[in-house]
Amino acid sequence: MSGQGLAVLREGDTLRLSGPLGFANAATAWAEVKRQLAGIRQLDLGGLAASDSAALACLLGWRAQAGMRGRNLRLVGVPEHLRALAQVSDVSQLLDGAAMPRA
């Protein structure tokens, strides 16, 4: 999938995201990644360019969706600017692999 600059590429049990992820394309990205979550064990974010709090919300939401299916979705290659945003938002432990609360 590619929309508004974000590309989502499936490679085995990994989804690789590259390009910008933010308010402009978060809804499209949310739906596309959620659609492809079955069988995915990790999201590779090393290719993310610009991102904002909408990107952080998507990441946490995708981890929660996987958790509801009994899986832990690992986030790898998290850009430093997203780590900083998670830290000031007091959710950095959720990016670092802490189990997501179950609904």
Protein backbone atom coordinates (compact mmCIF):
# COMPACT_ATOMS: atom_id res chain seq x y z
CA MET A 1 0.00 0.00 0.00
CA SER A 2 1.19 3.48 -0.67
CA GLY A 3 -0.83 6.52 0.17
CA GLN A 4 0.19 10.12 0.73
CA GLY A 5 3.84 9.08 0.81
CA LEU A 6 3.61 6.15 3.26
CA ALA A 7 4.54 2.70 1.96
CA VAL A 8 3.59 -0.52 3.78
CA LEU A 9 5.48 -3.60 2.62
CA ARG A 10 4.92 -7.10 4.01
CA GLU A 11 7.98 -9.34 4.27
CA GLY A 12 7.15 -12.61 6.02
CA ASP A 13 6.00 -11.77 9.56
CA THR A 14 7.18 -8.15 9.30
CA LEU A 15 5.47 -5.03 8.00
CA ARG A 16 7.93 -2.34 6.92
CA LEU A 17 6.65 1.23 7.02
CA SER A 18 8.47 3.96 5.14
CA GLY A 19 7.74 7.58 4.42
CA PRO A 20 5.75 10.06 6.48
CA LEU A 21 3.11 9.00 8.99
CA GLY A 22 1.03 11.68 10.63
CA PHE A 23 -2.30 13.44 10.74
CA ALA A 24 -2.51 13.70 6.94
CA ASN A 25 -2.45 9.94 6.34
CA ALA A 26 -3.03 8.28 9.73
CA ALA A 27 -6.57 7.09 8.94
CA THR A 28 -5.47 5.40 5.71
CA ALA A 29 -2.38 3.91 7.37
CA TRP A 30 -4.42 2.70 10.36
CA ALA A 31 -6.82 0.79 8.12
CA GLU A 32 -4.11 -0.69 5.90
CA VAL A 33 -1.89 -1.96 8.71
CA LYS A 34 -4.87 -3.26 10.68
CA ARG A 35 -6.00 -5.14 7.56
CA GLN A 36 -2.58 -6.81 7.27
CA LEU A 37 -1.97 -7.58 10.98
CA ALA A 38 -2.82 -11.29 10.77
CA GLY A 39 0.43 -13.22 11.09
CA ILE A 40 2.54 -10.12 11.68
CA ARG A 41 4.97 -10.25 14.60
CA GLN A 42 6.79 -6.97 14.11
CA LEU A 43 6.57 -3.53 12.56
CA ASP A 44 9.81 -2.16 11.16
CA LEU A 45 9.69 1.61 11.48
CA GLY A 46 13.24 2.30 10.33
CA GLY A 47 11.99 3.88 7.13
CA LEU A 48 9.60 6.36 8.76
CA ALA A 49 10.40 9.92 7.82
CA ALA A 50 8.27 12.60 9.43
CA SER A 51 5.80 11.52 12.11
CA ASP A 52 3.74 13.10 14.85
CA SER A 53 1.36 12.22 17.67
CA ALA A 54 -1.04 10.62 15.18
CA ALA A 55 1.73 8.18 14.27
CA LEU A 56 2.28 7.40 17.95
CA ALA A 57 -1.45 6.76 18.39
CA CYS A 58 -1.43 4.40 15.40
CA LEU A 59 1.56 2.45 16.75
CA LEU A 60 -0.01 1.99 20.16
CA GLY A 61 -3.35 1.09 18.57
CA TRP A 62 -1.78 -1.56 16.33
CA ARG A 63 0.00 -3.07 19.33
CA ALA A 64 -3.31 -3.12 21.22
CA GLN A 65 -5.06 -4.80 18.25
CA ALA A 66 -2.39 -7.51 18.17
CA GLY A 67 -2.66 -7.92 21.95
CA MET A 68 -6.39 -8.53 21.65
CA ARG A 69 -5.50 -11.38 19.29
CA GLY A 70 -3.10 -12.82 21.88
CA ARG A 71 0.09 -11.62 20.19
CA ASN A 72 2.82 -9.18 21.13
CA LEU A 73 3.63 -6.91 18.19
CA ARG A 74 7.27 -5.82 18.35
CA LEU A 75 8.21 -2.38 17.14
CA VAL A 76 11.71 -2.24 15.67
CA GLY A 77 13.64 0.68 14.24
CA VAL A 78 11.57 3.25 16.15
CA PRO A 79 12.91 6.68 15.11
CA GLU A 80 14.38 8.79 17.89
CA HIS A 81 11.84 11.59 17.41
CA LEU A 82 9.00 9.10 18.05
CA ARG A 83 10.78 7.76 21.13
CA ALA A 84 11.09 11.32 22.43
CA LEU A 85 7.40 11.97 21.80
CA ALA A 86 6.48 8.74 23.60
CA GLN A 87 8.68 9.73 26.53
CA VAL A 88 7.07 13.14 27.01
CA SER A 89 3.67 11.48 26.61
CA ASP A 90 4.59 8.94 29.33
CA VAL A 91 4.00 5.94 27.06
CA SER A 92 7.59 5.02 26.15
CA GLN A 93 7.32 1.69 28.00
CA LEU A 94 4.58 0.69 25.55
CA LEU A 95 6.91 1.24 22.59
CA ASP A 96 9.68 -0.76 24.24
CA GLY A 97 7.81 -4.04 24.31
CA ALA A 98 5.85 -3.84 27.53
CA ALA A 99 2.69 -5.89 27.26
CA MET A 100 -0.31 -3.91 26.16
CA PRO A 101 -3.27 -4.06 28.53
CA ARG A 102 -6.00 -6.39 27.34
CA ALA A 103 -9.49 -5.09 26.81
